[in-house]
Amino acid sequence: MANQPVYKVIFQNGSQVFEVFARQIYQSDMWGFIEIEEFIFGERSQIVVDPSEEKLKNEFNGVKRSYIPLQSVIRIDEVEKEGSAKVSENTPREGNITSFPFPGANLPGQQSED
């Protein structure tokens, strides 16, 4: 597995932000999704258990491939080596953050085309 790239993918899932590491990531044949394969979770330190990483291990246990909507992706980095996977709560500051509108969603003040 020498010289095989490692990717850090940060994406939003509901009210949580996931930060995972994987060996394969590419645009899906399903329009509007990316595919993530070969998740990497830290196996190095069995003495100290990170609850956030354990939650992600359980979440993706047995998952061969995950399809993530493009609008959920925050950032993708190619990194030197894997780090610790994390899940954190996304607590938006009131008034500063607005979700990107989805196609077909009516924004306040817009008329539907029905």
N, C-alpha and C. Protein backbone atom coordinates (compact mmCIF):
# COMPACT_ATOMS: atom_id res chain seq x y z
N MET A 1 0.82 -1.20 0.00
CA MET A 1 0.00 0.00 0.00
C MET A 1 0.86 1.26 0.00
N ALA A 2 2.10 1.15 -0.34
CA ALA A 2 2.98 2.31 -0.40
C ALA A 2 2.50 3.27 -1.48
N ASN A 3 2.61 4.53 -1.20
CA ASN A 3 2.24 5.60 -2.13
C ASN A 3 0.76 5.64 -2.48
N GLN A 4 -0.08 4.95 -1.72
CA GLN A 4 -1.52 5.04 -1.96
C GLN A 4 -2.03 6.28 -1.24
N PRO A 5 -2.73 7.18 -1.95
CA PRO A 5 -3.16 8.42 -1.31
C PRO A 5 -4.19 8.19 -0.21
N VAL A 6 -4.19 9.12 0.74
CA VAL A 6 -5.17 9.13 1.82
C VAL A 6 -5.91 10.46 1.74
N TYR A 7 -7.23 10.41 1.82
CA TYR A 7 -8.06 11.60 1.73
C TYR A 7 -8.79 11.84 3.04
N LYS A 8 -8.82 13.12 3.43
CA LYS A 8 -9.64 13.53 4.57
C LYS A 8 -10.87 14.20 3.99
N VAL A 9 -12.04 13.69 4.34
CA VAL A 9 -13.30 14.21 3.82
C VAL A 9 -14.10 14.75 4.99
N ILE A 10 -14.50 16.01 4.89
CA ILE A 10 -15.32 16.65 5.92
C ILE A 10 -16.67 16.95 5.27
N PHE A 11 -17.74 16.43 5.89
CA PHE A 11 -19.07 16.65 5.33
C PHE A 11 -20.09 16.78 6.45
N GLN A 12 -21.20 17.41 6.11
CA GLN A 12 -22.27 17.61 7.07
C GLN A 12 -23.30 16.51 6.91
N ASN A 13 -23.75 15.97 8.03
CA ASN A 13 -24.78 14.94 8.05
C ASN A 13 -25.80 15.35 9.10
N GLY A 14 -26.89 15.94 8.67
CA GLY A 14 -27.87 16.48 9.61
C GLY A 14 -27.27 17.63 10.39
N SER A 15 -27.29 17.55 11.71
CA SER A 15 -26.74 18.62 12.55
C SER A 15 -25.30 18.31 12.97
N GLN A 16 -24.69 17.28 12.37
CA GLN A 16 -23.34 16.89 12.74
C GLN A 16 -22.38 17.07 11.57
N VAL A 17 -21.11 17.28 11.91
CA VAL A 17 -20.05 17.36 10.91
C VAL A 17 -19.15 16.15 11.10
N PHE A 18 -19.00 15.36 10.04
CA PHE A 18 -18.16 14.17 10.06
C PHE A 18 -16.82 14.49 9.41
N GLU A 19 -15.76 14.00 9.99
CA GLU A 19 -14.42 14.09 9.41
C GLU A 19 -13.88 12.67 9.34
N VAL A 20 -13.78 12.12 8.13
CA VAL A 20 -13.35 10.73 7.94
C VAL A 20 -12.15 10.68 7.01
N PHE A 21 -11.45 9.56 7.08
CA PHE A 21 -10.30 9.32 6.22
C PHE A 21 -10.59 8.10 5.36
N ALA A 22 -10.18 8.16 4.09
CA ALA A 22 -10.44 7.06 3.17
C ALA A 22 -9.34 6.99 2.12
N ARG A 23 -9.23 5.82 1.50
CA ARG A 23 -8.23 5.62 0.45
C ARG A 23 -8.78 5.89 -0.94
N GLN A 24 -10.07 5.79 -1.13
CA GLN A 24 -10.67 5.99 -2.45
C GLN A 24 -11.80 7.00 -2.34
N ILE A 25 -11.78 7.98 -3.23
CA ILE A 25 -12.87 8.94 -3.33
C ILE A 25 -12.98 9.39 -4.78
N TYR A 26 -14.20 9.42 -5.28
CA TYR A 26 -14.39 9.83 -6.67
C TYR A 26 -15.83 10.24 -6.90
N GLN A 27 -16.05 10.91 -8.04
CA GLN A 27 -17.39 11.34 -8.40
C GLN A 27 -18.21 10.11 -8.77
N SER A 28 -19.40 10.06 -8.27
CA SER A 28 -20.28 8.92 -8.49
C SER A 28 -20.95 8.98 -9.85
N ASP A 29 -21.37 7.83 -10.34
CA ASP A 29 -22.21 7.78 -11.53
C ASP A 29 -23.61 8.30 -11.24
N MET A 30 -23.99 8.25 -9.95
CA MET A 30 -25.26 8.86 -9.53
C MET A 30 -25.03 10.36 -9.46
N TRP A 31 -25.75 11.10 -10.25
CA TRP A 31 -25.54 12.53 -10.35
C TRP A 31 -25.70 13.20 -8.99
N GLY A 32 -24.73 14.06 -8.63
CA GLY A 32 -24.83 14.84 -7.41
C GLY A 32 -24.23 14.19 -6.18
N PHE A 33 -23.50 13.09 -6.34
CA PHE A 33 -22.91 12.39 -5.20
C PHE A 33 -21.42 12.14 -5.44
N ILE A 34 -20.68 12.00 -4.33
CA ILE A 34 -19.33 11.47 -4.40
C ILE A 34 -19.36 10.12 -3.70
N GLU A 35 -18.44 9.24 -4.09
CA GLU A 35 -18.34 7.93 -3.47
C GLU A 35 -17.08 7.86 -2.64
N ILE A 36 -17.20 7.32 -1.45
CA ILE A 36 -16.07 7.14 -0.55
C ILE A 36 -15.94 5.66 -0.26
N GLU A 37 -14.74 5.11 -0.46
CA GLU A 37 -14.48 3.69 -0.19
C GLU A 37 -13.23 3.55 0.66
N GLU A 38 -13.09 2.39 1.27
CA GLU A 38 -11.93 2.03 2.07
C GLU A 38 -11.67 3.04 3.20
N PHE A 39 -12.65 3.13 4.09
CA PHE A 39 -12.51 4.01 5.25
C PHE A 39 -11.33 3.57 6.10
N ILE A 40 -10.65 4.55 6.70
CA ILE A 40 -9.50 4.28 7.56
C ILE A 40 -9.82 4.80 8.95
N PHE A 41 -9.69 3.94 9.93
CA PHE A 41 -9.87 4.34 11.32
C PHE A 41 -8.62 3.96 12.08
N GLY A 42 -8.21 4.81 13.01
CA GLY A 42 -6.98 4.59 13.77
C GLY A 42 -7.01 3.29 14.55
N GLU A 43 -6.08 2.42 14.27
CA GLU A 43 -5.95 1.15 14.99
C GLU A 43 -4.70 1.16 15.86
N ARG A 44 -3.97 2.28 15.82
CA ARG A 44 -2.67 2.31 16.48
C ARG A 44 -2.76 2.28 17.99
N SER A 45 -3.63 3.08 18.58
CA SER A 45 -3.64 3.14 20.05
C SER A 45 -4.91 2.50 20.58
N GLN A 46 -4.80 1.29 21.02
CA GLN A 46 -5.93 0.56 21.59
C GLN A 46 -6.14 0.91 23.06
N ILE A 47 -5.16 1.57 23.69
CA ILE A 47 -5.27 1.91 25.10
C ILE A 47 -6.21 3.10 25.30
N VAL A 48 -6.02 4.14 24.51
CA VAL A 48 -6.86 5.33 24.61
C VAL A 48 -7.95 5.23 23.55
N VAL A 49 -9.20 5.32 23.98
CA VAL A 49 -10.33 5.21 23.06
C VAL A 49 -10.97 6.58 22.91
N ASP A 50 -11.06 7.04 21.66
CA ASP A 50 -11.70 8.31 21.36
C ASP A 50 -13.18 8.02 21.08
N PRO A 51 -14.10 8.52 21.92
CA PRO A 51 -15.53 8.22 21.74
C PRO A 51 -16.06 8.69 20.38
N SER A 52 -15.55 9.82 19.89
CA SER A 52 -15.99 10.34 18.61
C SER A 52 -15.61 9.39 17.48
N GLU A 53 -14.37 8.88 17.53
CA GLU A 53 -13.93 7.95 16.50
C GLU A 53 -14.66 6.61 16.61
N GLU A 54 -14.93 6.17 17.83
CA GLU A 54 -15.67 4.93 18.02
C GLU A 54 -17.09 5.05 17.44
N LYS A 55 -17.70 6.22 17.60
CA LYS A 55 -19.03 6.45 17.05
C LYS A 55 -19.00 6.31 15.52
N LEU A 56 -17.96 6.87 14.89
CA LEU A 56 -17.85 6.77 13.44
C LEU A 56 -17.54 5.34 13.00
N LYS A 57 -16.70 4.64 13.75
CA LYS A 57 -16.41 3.24 13.43
C LYS A 57 -17.70 2.44 13.41
N ASN A 58 -18.55 2.65 14.40
CA ASN A 58 -19.82 1.95 14.46
C ASN A 58 -20.76 2.38 13.34
N GLU A 59 -20.75 3.66 13.03
CA GLU A 59 -21.61 4.20 11.96
C GLU A 59 -21.26 3.58 10.61
N PHE A 60 -19.97 3.41 10.33
CA PHE A 60 -19.53 2.90 9.04
C PHE A 60 -19.09 1.44 9.08
N ASN A 61 -19.40 0.73 10.17
CA ASN A 61 -19.05 -0.68 10.28
C ASN A 61 -19.78 -1.48 9.20
N GLY A 62 -19.03 -2.21 8.40
CA GLY A 62 -19.62 -3.03 7.34
C GLY A 62 -19.98 -2.26 6.08
N VAL A 63 -19.69 -0.96 6.03
CA VAL A 63 -20.01 -0.16 4.85
C VAL A 63 -18.90 -0.33 3.82
N LYS A 64 -19.26 -0.79 2.64
CA LYS A 64 -18.28 -0.97 1.57
C LYS A 64 -18.04 0.35 0.84
N ARG A 65 -19.11 1.08 0.60
CA ARG A 65 -19.03 2.33 -0.16
C ARG A 65 -20.11 3.26 0.38
N SER A 66 -19.77 4.53 0.51
CA SER A 66 -20.74 5.51 0.99
C SER A 66 -20.93 6.59 -0.07
N TYR A 67 -22.17 6.97 -0.31
CA TYR A 67 -22.50 8.01 -1.28
C TYR A 67 -22.87 9.27 -0.49
N ILE A 68 -22.10 10.33 -0.70
CA ILE A 68 -22.31 11.58 0.03
C ILE A 68 -22.79 12.64 -0.97
N PRO A 69 -23.91 13.31 -0.68
CA PRO A 69 -24.39 14.37 -1.58
C PRO A 69 -23.36 15.50 -1.68
N LEU A 70 -23.14 16.00 -2.89
CA LEU A 70 -22.15 17.05 -3.10
C LEU A 70 -22.40 18.28 -2.24
N GLN A 71 -23.68 18.64 -2.03
CA GLN A 71 -23.97 19.84 -1.25
C GLN A 71 -23.65 19.66 0.24
N SER A 72 -23.40 18.42 0.68
CA SER A 72 -23.03 18.16 2.07
C SER A 72 -21.53 18.24 2.31
N VAL A 73 -20.75 18.17 1.23
CA VAL A 73 -19.30 18.16 1.36
C VAL A 73 -18.80 19.56 1.72
N ILE A 74 -18.00 19.63 2.77
CA ILE A 74 -17.40 20.89 3.18
C ILE A 74 -16.01 21.02 2.60
N ARG A 75 -15.23 19.92 2.66
CA ARG A 75 -13.85 19.99 2.20
C ARG A 75 -13.31 18.58 1.97
N ILE A 76 -12.41 18.46 0.98
CA ILE A 76 -11.70 17.21 0.72
C ILE A 76 -10.23 17.55 0.58
N ASP A 77 -9.38 16.88 1.37
CA ASP A 77 -7.94 17.10 1.32
C ASP A 77 -7.24 15.78 1.07
N GLU A 78 -6.18 15.81 0.26
CA GLU A 78 -5.28 14.66 0.17
C GLU A 78 -4.21 14.91 1.22
N VAL A 79 -4.01 13.97 2.13
CA VAL A 79 -3.10 14.16 3.26
C VAL A 79 -1.97 13.14 3.23
N GLU A 80 -0.92 13.43 4.00
CA GLU A 80 0.25 12.54 4.08
C GLU A 80 -0.11 11.21 4.73
N LYS A 81 -0.86 11.27 5.84
CA LYS A 81 -1.25 10.05 6.55
C LYS A 81 -2.58 10.31 7.25
N GLU A 82 -3.23 9.22 7.62
CA GLU A 82 -4.54 9.36 8.26
C GLU A 82 -4.40 9.93 9.66
N GLY A 83 -5.45 10.55 10.09
CA GLY A 83 -5.52 11.08 11.45
C GLY A 83 -6.67 10.42 12.18
N SER A 84 -7.16 11.09 13.17
CA SER A 84 -8.26 10.58 13.96
C SER A 84 -9.58 11.06 13.37
N ALA A 85 -10.48 10.13 13.08
CA ALA A 85 -11.80 10.48 12.57
C ALA A 85 -12.59 11.17 13.67
N LYS A 86 -13.44 12.12 13.31
CA LYS A 86 -14.19 12.88 14.31
C LYS A 86 -15.63 13.10 13.86
N VAL A 87 -16.48 13.27 14.83
CA VAL A 87 -17.83 13.73 14.58
C VAL A 87 -18.09 14.83 15.61
N SER A 88 -18.63 15.95 15.14
CA SER A 88 -18.90 17.06 16.05
C SER A 88 -20.26 17.66 15.70
N GLU A 89 -20.83 18.35 16.65
CA GLU A 89 -22.11 19.02 16.44
C GLU A 89 -21.88 20.31 15.68
N ASN A 90 -22.74 20.56 14.72
CA ASN A 90 -22.68 21.81 13.97
C ASN A 90 -23.64 22.78 14.64
N THR A 91 -23.09 23.71 15.37
CA THR A 91 -23.92 24.69 16.07
C THR A 91 -23.78 26.03 15.37
N PRO A 92 -24.67 26.30 14.43
CA PRO A 92 -24.57 27.55 13.68
C PRO A 92 -24.82 28.76 14.57
N ARG A 93 -24.08 29.81 14.29
CA ARG A 93 -24.31 31.07 15.00
C ARG A 93 -25.55 31.72 14.40
N GLU A 94 -26.39 32.17 15.24
CA GLU A 94 -27.65 32.73 14.78
C GLU A 94 -27.41 33.94 13.89
N GLY A 95 -28.05 33.94 12.73
CA GLY A 95 -27.97 35.07 11.83
C GLY A 95 -26.78 35.09 10.90
N ASN A 96 -25.74 34.30 11.14
CA ASN A 96 -24.55 34.35 10.30
C ASN A 96 -24.52 33.28 9.21
N ILE A 97 -25.19 32.17 9.41
CA ILE A 97 -25.06 31.05 8.48
C ILE A 97 -26.42 30.70 7.92
N THR A 98 -26.47 30.55 6.60
CA THR A 98 -27.68 30.12 5.92
C THR A 98 -27.34 28.94 5.04
N SER A 99 -28.20 27.94 5.03
CA SER A 99 -27.97 26.78 4.17
C SER A 99 -28.04 27.19 2.72
N PHE A 100 -27.19 26.56 1.91
CA PHE A 100 -27.22 26.79 0.48
C PHE A 100 -28.55 26.25 -0.05
N PRO A 101 -29.25 27.01 -0.88
CA PRO A 101 -30.56 26.55 -1.34
C PRO A 101 -30.44 25.33 -2.26
N PHE A 102 -31.37 24.41 -2.11
CA PHE A 102 -31.42 23.23 -2.96
C PHE A 102 -32.25 23.54 -4.20
N PRO A 103 -31.92 22.95 -5.35
CA PRO A 103 -32.74 23.16 -6.55
C PRO A 103 -34.18 22.77 -6.28
N GLY A 104 -35.09 23.63 -6.67
CA GLY A 104 -36.50 23.33 -6.48
C GLY A 104 -37.06 23.83 -5.16
N ALA A 105 -36.19 24.27 -4.25
CA ALA A 105 -36.67 24.77 -2.96
C ALA A 105 -37.11 26.22 -3.12
N ASN A 106 -38.25 26.55 -2.57
CA ASN A 106 -38.72 27.92 -2.63
C ASN A 106 -38.09 28.72 -1.50
N LEU A 107 -37.45 29.80 -1.85
CA LEU A 107 -36.87 30.70 -0.86
C LEU A 107 -37.92 31.72 -0.47
N PRO A 108 -37.78 32.32 0.71
CA PRO A 108 -38.74 33.34 1.11
C PRO A 108 -38.80 34.46 0.05
N GLY A 109 -40.00 34.83 -0.32
CA GLY A 109 -40.17 35.90 -1.30
C GLY A 109 -40.24 35.40 -2.73
N GLN A 110 -40.01 34.10 -2.98
CA GLN A 110 -40.08 33.56 -4.32
C GLN A 110 -41.43 32.90 -4.55
N GLN A 111 -41.91 33.00 -5.78
CA GLN A 111 -43.15 32.35 -6.16
C GLN A 111 -42.85 30.99 -6.75
N SER A 112 -43.65 29.99 -6.45
CA SER A 112 -43.45 28.69 -7.07
C SER A 112 -43.93 28.76 -8.51
N GLU A 113 -43.37 27.88 -9.36
CA GLU A 113 -43.69 27.91 -10.78
C GLU A 113 -44.84 26.98 -11.12
N ASP A 114 -45.67 26.64 -10.17
CA ASP A 114 -46.80 25.72 -10.42
C ASP A 114 -47.85 26.37 -11.25
